[in-house]
Amino acid sequence: MNKSVITALVLAVLAVGWILTGQFGSDRPNAGDPAAAPSATTQKMKVRVAEISAIAHTENVNVTGRTEASRKVELRAETEGQVTEIYKQRGDRVSEGEAIAKIRPDDRPAKLAEARASLRQRQIEFNAADKLTERGFRSETEKAGAQARLDAARAVVEQMELDIARTTFRAPFDGTIEAGHVEQGNYVKIGEFTAMIVDLDPILVVGNISERQVGTVKEGMTGTVTLIDGSAHTGIVRFVSSVAEPSTRTYRAELEVANSDLRIRDGLTAQISIPVSNTMAHFVTPSVLTLNDDGIVGVKTVGPDNKVVFRPVDIIADEPEGVWLGGLPDQMRLITVGQEFVIDGEDVIPVEGTARIAAGGNS
């Protein structure tokens, strides 16, 4: 046989023998040779972990709103006549009860004098009827008639006094004359619009809260209002609607903000932030979140025994830099790299990361 063929056969037999020796030799390790024992860690996955601690987190309800006057009333004429006096102009501040304009009284004072004279006459008639009734010279029916005429005369006087009082337009509360003010010489009729009075102190900041968050906002809570110019103000929640807006399914909420200098105007855009709860939570990057086989959102951690533990989470809030998670232990080793390649209960080799996950930062 050719030598080269014999050489090839020998090499082939040696190669097969070497392979078989490696395949089955591990079943019979040499107890005296530590190098021959299999390594328990060579099959474990390495994962990067970060030691994280829960920190105090304030959950806020944040909405975009607008400023509104706390009161806005249309002043209308309660009697008719020609305007003869203007005491306050549009834009002026007025106090409650202060005169704004006056209608010419015409014959009202004369009619009031006549009504008062008639009242005096009816009073004398009633006094006489009362005395005669006590002596038995008049019946109770005649006394009652005198009383009715006296009451009617008194009512006429009161009506005339009220009509004269209505000739002067007065501010219903402290505020500012905003629009629609009448001019001298205008003739106004009953019910005609004469002026609008707005109250800007305090001013309201109104926003619409979602149905998911409305249950957390209560009257009396303190909130922060940031106006479009960057100025920040503190307000108190004074009203939360119990009926949703049909078109948006949101609920109106009002914050009352002090505005003694009247610098805050009606109609400004504002950002509203209302703290509703304080909890201990973890701030993490969204990349550490994962799903288990049941589709539950959570994170994977490494326990003291270096086994993977899947922990469901509650997403409390999200920010551009990360998310706030609740429902977790105060201290834990969070898997930040490799969580998608290990399963719950698996032994792993944790490798400490170079950065800690903290509020406002990423791992």
Protein backbone atom coordinates (compact mmCIF):
# COMPACT_ATOMS: atom_id res chain seq x y z
CA MET A 1 0.00 0.00 0.00
CA ASN A 2 1.22 3.48 -0.80
CA LYS A 3 2.93 5.09 2.18
CA SER A 4 0.96 8.29 1.81
CA VAL A 5 -2.31 6.36 2.04
CA ILE A 6 -1.12 4.52 5.15
CA THR A 7 -0.06 7.82 6.72
CA ALA A 8 -3.46 9.34 6.03
CA LEU A 9 -5.29 6.38 7.58
CA VAL A 10 -3.15 6.57 10.72
CA LEU A 11 -3.76 10.30 11.10
CA ALA A 12 -7.49 9.75 10.63
CA VAL A 13 -7.57 7.04 13.32
CA LEU A 14 -5.63 9.29 15.71
CA ALA A 15 -7.96 12.22 15.05
CA VAL A 16 -11.08 10.12 15.70
CA GLY A 17 -9.53 8.77 18.89
CA TRP A 18 -8.69 12.26 20.10
CA ILE A 19 -12.23 13.48 19.41
CA LEU A 20 -13.76 10.50 21.21
CA THR A 21 -11.43 11.05 24.14
CA GLY A 22 -12.58 14.67 24.46
CA GLN A 23 -16.25 13.77 24.07
CA PHE A 24 -16.46 11.12 26.73
CA GLY A 25 -13.53 11.93 28.94
CA SER A 26 -15.50 14.64 30.81
CA ASP A 27 -17.74 11.94 32.21
CA ARG A 28 -14.83 10.58 34.15
CA PRO A 29 -12.94 13.55 35.59
CA ASN A 30 -9.72 13.08 37.41
CA ALA A 31 -10.60 13.82 41.02
CA GLY A 32 -7.05 14.71 41.81
CA ASP A 33 -6.72 17.32 39.04
CA PRO A 34 -8.63 20.58 39.81
CA ALA A 35 -8.15 21.73 36.26
CA ALA A 36 -10.12 18.71 35.04
CA ALA A 37 -13.25 19.71 37.11
CA PRO A 38 -15.95 21.61 35.17
CA SER A 39 -16.43 25.35 36.07
CA ALA A 40 -19.84 26.18 37.59
CA THR A 41 -19.67 29.77 36.38
CA THR A 42 -18.72 29.30 32.75
CA GLN A 43 -22.41 28.90 31.77
CA LYS A 44 -23.71 31.95 33.73
CA MET A 45 -24.72 35.17 31.98
CA LYS A 46 -23.06 38.39 32.98
CA VAL A 47 -25.36 41.37 33.51
CA ARG A 48 -24.64 44.94 34.43
CA VAL A 49 -26.36 46.14 37.60
CA ALA A 50 -26.73 49.42 39.46
CA GLU A 51 -27.39 49.87 43.16
CA ILE A 52 -30.38 52.20 43.41
CA SER A 53 -32.27 53.69 46.34
CA ALA A 54 -35.80 55.05 46.49
CA ILE A 55 -36.09 58.80 46.88
CA ALA A 56 -38.96 61.08 47.83
CA HIS A 57 -41.11 61.95 44.83
CA THR A 58 -43.95 64.45 44.73
CA GLU A 59 -46.61 63.53 42.22
CA ASN A 60 -48.08 66.57 40.49
CA VAL A 61 -51.12 67.14 38.35
CA ASN A 62 -49.88 69.40 35.55
CA VAL A 63 -52.28 71.12 33.15
CA THR A 64 -52.31 74.14 30.90
CA GLY A 65 -54.88 76.74 31.88
CA ARG A 66 -55.79 80.40 31.63
CA THR A 67 -56.52 83.29 33.95
CA GLU A 68 -60.07 84.51 34.54
CA ALA A 69 -61.63 87.31 36.57
CA SER A 70 -63.09 85.90 39.77
CA ARG A 71 -66.27 87.91 39.14
CA LYS A 72 -67.57 89.51 35.97
CA VAL A 73 -70.97 91.24 36.04
CA GLU A 74 -72.91 93.13 33.39
CA LEU A 75 -74.50 96.18 34.97
CA ARG A 76 -77.94 96.88 33.44
CA ALA A 77 -80.38 99.73 33.84
CA GLU A 78 -83.20 99.08 36.33
CA THR A 79 -85.14 102.19 35.35
CA GLU A 80 -85.25 104.34 32.24
CA GLY A 81 -84.15 107.87 31.54
CA GLN A 82 -81.44 110.09 30.11
CA VAL A 83 -77.90 109.84 31.51
CA THR A 84 -76.89 113.23 32.90
CA GLU A 85 -73.86 112.44 35.08
CA ILE A 86 -70.79 110.25 34.49
CA TYR A 87 -68.69 109.65 37.59
CA LYS A 88 -66.40 106.82 36.44
CA GLN A 89 -64.93 105.96 33.06
CA ARG A 90 -63.95 102.65 31.49
CA GLY A 91 -60.77 101.33 33.11
CA ASP A 92 -61.39 103.10 36.44
CA ARG A 93 -61.34 101.22 39.73
CA VAL A 94 -64.57 101.34 41.72
CA SER A 95 -65.53 100.32 45.24
CA GLU A 96 -68.67 98.46 46.21
CA GLY A 97 -71.64 100.88 46.19
CA GLU A 98 -69.72 103.66 44.47
CA ALA A 99 -71.70 105.72 41.93
CA ILE A 100 -70.77 105.19 38.28
CA ALA A 101 -73.39 107.24 36.43
CA LYS A 102 -76.75 108.92 37.07
CA ILE A 103 -80.03 109.19 35.19
CA ARG A 104 -82.02 112.43 35.22
CA PRO A 105 -84.68 112.06 37.97
CA ASP A 106 -87.41 113.92 36.01
CA ASP A 107 -90.66 113.97 38.05
CA ARG A 108 -89.70 111.19 40.43
CA PRO A 109 -89.01 113.51 43.43
CA ALA A 110 -92.44 115.15 42.99
CA LYS A 111 -94.17 111.78 42.83
CA LEU A 112 -92.31 110.71 45.96
CA ALA A 113 -93.49 113.83 47.82
CA GLU A 114 -97.06 113.10 46.74
CA ALA A 115 -96.77 109.49 47.89
CA ARG A 116 -95.43 110.56 51.28
CA ALA A 117 -98.30 113.03 51.74
CA SER A 118 -100.78 110.28 50.94
CA LEU A 119 -99.02 108.02 53.43
CA ARG A 120 -99.40 110.62 56.19
CA GLN A 121 -103.11 110.92 55.42
CA ARG A 122 -103.60 107.17 55.53
CA GLN A 123 -101.72 107.00 58.82
CA ILE A 124 -104.09 109.59 60.39
CA GLU A 125 -107.12 107.71 59.08
CA PHE A 126 -105.87 104.44 60.51
CA ASN A 127 -105.13 105.98 63.93
CA ALA A 128 -108.67 107.37 64.11
CA ALA A 129 -110.21 104.07 63.03
CA ASP A 130 -108.16 102.24 65.63
CA LYS A 131 -109.38 104.45 68.48
CA LEU A 132 -113.00 104.27 67.38
CA THR A 133 -112.77 100.50 67.16
CA GLU A 134 -111.44 100.31 70.72
CA ARG A 135 -114.48 102.37 71.93
CA GLY A 136 -116.89 100.24 69.92
CA PHE A 137 -117.89 102.93 67.41
CA ARG A 138 -116.22 101.20 64.45
CA SER A 139 -116.21 97.59 63.37
CA GLU A 140 -113.10 95.50 62.96
CA THR A 141 -113.83 95.42 59.23
CA GLU A 142 -113.54 99.18 58.93
CA LYS A 143 -110.29 99.13 60.90
CA ALA A 144 -108.93 96.44 58.58
CA GLY A 145 -109.82 98.58 55.56
CA ALA A 146 -107.95 101.55 57.02
CA GLN A 147 -104.95 99.28 57.65
CA ALA A 148 -104.98 98.09 54.03
CA ARG A 149 -105.04 101.67 52.68
CA LEU A 150 -102.17 102.57 54.99
CA ASP A 151 -100.08 99.60 53.79
CA ALA A 152 -100.79 100.47 50.15
CA ALA A 153 -99.66 104.06 50.67
CA ARG A 154 -96.50 102.86 52.40
CA ALA A 155 -95.77 100.51 49.46
CA VAL A 156 -96.10 103.38 46.98
CA VAL A 157 -93.55 105.42 48.94
CA GLU A 158 -91.12 102.50 49.01
CA GLN A 159 -91.54 101.94 45.26
CA MET A 160 -90.83 105.61 44.51
CA GLU A 161 -87.77 105.64 46.78
CA LEU A 162 -86.47 102.51 45.07
CA ASP A 163 -87.06 103.97 41.61
CA ILE A 164 -85.13 107.12 42.55
CA ALA A 165 -82.28 105.01 43.96
CA ARG A 166 -82.12 103.14 40.67
CA THR A 167 -81.40 106.34 38.77
CA THR A 168 -77.83 106.05 40.07
CA PHE A 169 -75.77 103.14 38.70
CA ARG A 170 -73.58 101.75 41.49
CA ALA A 171 -70.80 99.18 41.52
CA PRO A 172 -71.98 95.83 42.95
CA PHE A 173 -68.47 95.04 44.29
CA ASP A 174 -64.89 96.29 44.24
CA GLY A 175 -63.62 96.00 40.70
CA THR A 176 -62.76 97.66 37.42
CA ILE A 177 -65.07 99.09 34.76
CA GLU A 178 -64.13 97.01 31.74
CA ALA A 179 -66.49 97.69 28.84
CA GLY A 180 -69.80 99.00 27.57
CA HIS A 181 -69.89 102.18 29.63
CA VAL A 182 -72.71 104.59 28.71
CA GLU A 183 -72.04 108.16 27.68
CA GLN A 184 -73.60 111.37 28.93
CA GLY A 185 -76.81 112.11 27.05
CA ASN A 186 -77.61 108.44 26.27
CA TYR A 187 -81.17 107.39 26.92
CA VAL A 188 -81.31 103.98 28.55
CA LYS A 189 -84.24 101.66 29.04
CA ILE A 190 -84.88 99.02 31.66
CA GLY A 191 -82.59 96.03 31.11
CA GLU A 192 -80.20 97.85 28.80
CA PHE A 193 -76.50 97.04 29.20
CA THR A 194 -74.60 99.94 30.75
CA ALA A 195 -71.23 98.65 31.99
CA MET A 196 -69.22 95.53 32.80
CA ILE A 197 -67.55 95.28 36.19
CA VAL A 198 -64.74 92.74 36.63
CA ASP A 199 -63.04 91.65 39.84
CA LEU A 200 -59.37 90.72 39.35
CA ASP A 201 -58.43 90.33 43.01
CA PRO A 202 -58.28 87.49 43.61
CA ILE A 203 -57.92 86.17 40.07
CA LEU A 204 -58.77 82.64 39.00
CA VAL A 205 -56.55 80.27 37.07
CA VAL A 206 -58.70 77.68 35.34
CA GLY A 207 -57.60 74.35 33.88
CA ASN A 208 -59.19 71.11 32.73
CA ILE A 209 -58.10 67.95 34.55
CA SER A 210 -58.32 64.50 32.99
CA GLU A 211 -60.71 61.90 34.35
CA ARG A 212 -57.71 59.80 35.45
CA GLN A 213 -56.35 62.57 37.69
CA VAL A 214 -59.44 64.44 38.84
CA GLY A 215 -59.93 62.14 41.84
CA THR A 216 -56.58 63.24 43.30
CA VAL A 217 -57.32 66.97 43.28
CA LYS A 218 -59.26 68.32 46.26
CA GLU A 219 -60.53 71.75 47.22
CA GLY A 220 -58.11 73.55 49.54
CA MET A 221 -54.96 72.09 47.98
CA THR A 222 -52.10 74.46 47.19
CA GLY A 223 -50.86 74.73 43.63
CA THR A 224 -48.27 76.67 41.65
CA VAL A 225 -49.15 78.82 38.66
CA THR A 226 -46.53 79.84 36.10
CA LEU A 227 -47.63 82.57 33.71
CA ILE A 228 -46.47 83.03 30.15
CA ASP A 229 -44.01 85.72 31.28
CA GLY A 230 -42.31 83.20 33.59
CA SER A 231 -43.62 84.63 36.85
CA ALA A 232 -44.71 82.04 39.43
CA HIS A 233 -47.60 82.43 41.86
CA THR A 234 -49.18 80.30 44.57
CA GLY A 235 -52.87 79.56 44.52
CA ILE A 236 -55.50 77.57 46.38
CA VAL A 237 -57.86 75.13 44.67
CA ARG A 238 -61.32 76.55 45.33
CA PHE A 239 -63.45 74.46 42.95
CA VAL A 240 -63.31 71.10 41.16
CA SER A 241 -66.22 70.30 38.87
CA SER A 242 -68.18 67.10 39.43
CA VAL A 243 -69.45 67.10 35.83
CA ALA A 244 -67.16 66.52 32.85
CA GLU A 245 -67.05 68.63 29.71
CA PRO A 246 -68.95 66.52 27.15
CA SER A 247 -66.53 67.22 24.30
CA THR A 248 -63.25 66.59 26.15
CA ARG A 249 -64.25 64.41 29.13
CA THR A 250 -62.21 66.70 31.37
CA TYR A 251 -63.14 68.48 34.60
CA ARG A 252 -62.87 72.20 35.31
CA ALA A 253 -60.65 73.16 38.25
CA GLU A 254 -60.14 76.68 39.60
CA LEU A 255 -57.21 78.04 41.60
CA GLU A 256 -57.57 81.32 43.44
CA VAL A 257 -54.47 83.54 43.26
CA ALA A 258 -53.94 86.82 45.12
CA ASN A 259 -53.67 89.78 42.73
CA SER A 260 -53.77 92.91 44.86
CA ASP A 261 -51.60 94.89 42.43
CA LEU A 262 -53.80 93.78 39.47
CA ARG A 263 -50.74 92.82 37.44
CA ILE A 264 -52.28 89.52 36.38
CA ARG A 265 -54.78 90.14 33.60
CA ASP A 266 -57.73 88.09 32.48
CA GLY A 267 -57.02 85.63 29.64
CA LEU A 268 -53.31 84.87 30.16
CA THR A 269 -51.99 81.37 29.45
CA ALA A 270 -50.74 79.62 32.58
CA GLN A 271 -49.17 76.32 33.57
CA ILE A 272 -50.79 74.79 36.64
CA SER A 273 -49.00 72.31 38.90
CA ILE A 274 -50.82 70.81 41.89
CA PRO A 275 -48.91 68.44 44.23
CA VAL A 276 -51.28 65.59 45.07
CA SER A 277 -49.11 62.99 46.85
CA ASN A 278 -45.64 62.28 48.26
CA THR A 279 -44.23 58.78 47.78
CA MET A 280 -40.91 56.96 47.77
CA ALA A 281 -40.08 56.01 44.20
CA HIS A 282 -37.25 55.15 41.81
CA PHE A 283 -36.30 57.32 38.83
CA VAL A 284 -34.97 55.19 35.96
CA THR A 285 -34.43 55.32 32.24
CA PRO A 286 -37.26 53.65 30.27
CA SER A 287 -34.79 51.22 28.68
CA VAL A 288 -34.66 49.13 31.89
CA LEU A 289 -38.36 48.31 31.68
CA THR A 290 -39.31 44.88 30.39
CA LEU A 291 -42.29 42.54 30.11
CA ASN A 292 -42.74 39.11 31.64
CA ASP A 293 -44.52 36.22 29.93
CA ASP A 294 -47.90 37.55 31.12
CA GLY A 295 -47.28 40.96 29.57
CA ILE A 296 -46.79 42.70 32.93
CA VAL A 297 -44.46 45.71 32.92
CA GLY A 298 -41.61 45.50 35.39
CA VAL A 299 -37.87 45.50 35.95
CA LYS A 300 -35.39 42.73 36.56
CA THR A 301 -33.19 42.83 39.63
CA VAL A 302 -30.51 40.62 41.14
CA GLY A 303 -31.12 39.22 44.61
CA PRO A 304 -28.55 38.52 47.33
CA ASP A 305 -28.11 35.01 45.92
CA ASN A 306 -27.32 36.42 42.46
CA LYS A 307 -30.58 35.14 41.03
CA VAL A 308 -32.72 37.22 38.69
CA VAL A 309 -35.95 38.54 40.24
CA PHE A 310 -38.68 40.07 38.07
CA ARG A 311 -40.54 42.84 39.91
CA PRO A 312 -43.78 44.39 38.59
CA VAL A 313 -43.87 48.20 38.79
CA ASP A 314 -46.35 51.04 38.96
CA ILE A 315 -45.47 53.86 36.58
CA ILE A 316 -46.16 56.91 38.72
CA ALA A 317 -45.06 59.63 36.31
CA ASP A 318 -42.93 60.15 33.24
CA GLU A 319 -40.55 62.93 32.36
CA PRO A 320 -38.34 63.60 29.32
CA GLU A 321 -35.33 62.13 31.16
CA GLY A 322 -37.01 59.01 32.56
CA VAL A 323 -39.89 57.51 34.50
CA TRP A 324 -40.83 57.29 38.18
CA LEU A 325 -41.58 53.77 39.39
CA GLY A 326 -43.44 52.67 42.49
CA GLY A 327 -44.07 49.28 44.07
CA LEU A 328 -40.37 48.41 44.42
CA PRO A 329 -38.09 47.84 47.43
CA ASP A 330 -36.28 50.88 48.78
CA GLN A 331 -32.91 49.29 47.98
CA MET A 332 -32.20 46.92 45.09
CA ARG A 333 -29.71 45.90 42.42
CA LEU A 334 -31.30 46.79 39.10
CA ILE A 335 -30.19 45.09 35.90
CA THR A 336 -29.40 47.91 33.47
CA VAL A 337 -27.80 45.90 30.66
CA GLY A 338 -28.72 42.35 29.69
CA GLN A 339 -32.18 42.17 31.21
CA GLU A 340 -33.68 40.91 27.97
CA PHE A 341 -31.35 37.89 27.90
CA VAL A 342 -32.04 36.48 31.37
CA ILE A 343 -35.16 35.04 32.95
CA ASP A 344 -36.69 35.13 36.40
CA GLY A 345 -34.80 32.80 38.79
CA GLU A 346 -31.70 32.46 36.59
CA ASP A 347 -28.22 32.52 38.17
CA VAL A 348 -26.20 35.42 36.81
CA ILE A 349 -22.90 37.14 37.36
CA PRO A 350 -23.65 40.76 38.35
CA VAL A 351 -21.21 43.39 37.18
CA GLU A 352 -21.45 46.74 38.92
CA GLY A 353 -22.12 49.63 36.55
CA THR A 354 -20.09 52.79 36.52
CA ALA A 355 -23.05 55.06 37.27
CA ARG A 356 -25.98 55.05 39.65
CA ILE A 357 -29.53 55.74 38.60
CA ALA A 358 -30.77 58.78 40.46
CA ALA A 359 -33.45 61.42 40.16
CA GLY A 360 -33.02 63.31 36.95
CA GLY A 361 -30.30 61.00 35.61
CA ASN A 362 -29.79 57.82 33.64
CA SER A 363 -27.72 54.75 34.26
